Amino acid sequence: MSQSLRNNKLDSMRLHNLTDEELMAEFVSGVELAFTILMGRYKSQIINYLYRYIGNYDDCYDLAQEVFVRVHRYKTNYNSTIKFTTWIYTMAANLAKTELNRYWRKNAVSIERHGNDENQTWEFADNSSFQPDSRIDQTTIAQRIQKALMLISPTHRELIILRDIQDFSYEEIAEITESELGTVKSRLNRARKMIRVHLQDIYNDYFSVSSED
């Protein structure tokens, strides 16, 4: 192995051991591989969040690409005092809400990109291999849960997804949704009551309340 390849391998190993926030610092400084690693870490989670929120895989796949386009485009706007997950999920949430409103108005989805890198995209894994949630591997159960999510309001749906499916803390959810902590807790309590109505026989198996709740 040449010295150049050896150095590249060592640098890749170093980057993979960095935190999200450290990777963003590397990315802002010009290390493109740091962005690739971040996308690898979060693309499935972002797709899952968008799928659960919007309810349509084709739409959420396009939106997920737009999320990463924005991460790339607005990297210098990232505030290193904020967790990377909070930053990227806030972008994903805003895009999801805008897209859902657009769908309601026009019954169609259209992704518009603007800026110097408007043609920039990054390849995701083949759609056919996507699984909405690794812990929910029974297709019929997954379909029931998704149907139930779509039967409650987007505001309550978002809280269920972030807390009970993706395990964000109350504090992180408050930051992502730009809400007061008390508001998050009260709305989540209401959301759980709403979705339990539709999933009475399986709710406790897939929406177990943690010790923090």
Foldseek 3Di string as FASTA:
>chain_A
DDPVVVVVVVVLVVLLPDALLVLLVVVVVPDVVSLVSVCVVPLLVLLLLLCLLQVDNVQSNVLSQVLSVCCNVCSVVDDSVDHPVLVSLLSSVVSSVVQNVVCVVPVDGDDAADDPPRVDTDDDPDPVPRDSAPVDDDVVVVVLLSVLLVVDDSVQSSLCCVPQRVNDDLVSVCSSVVHDSVVSVVSPVVSLVSSCVSVVPCCCVRRPDDPVD
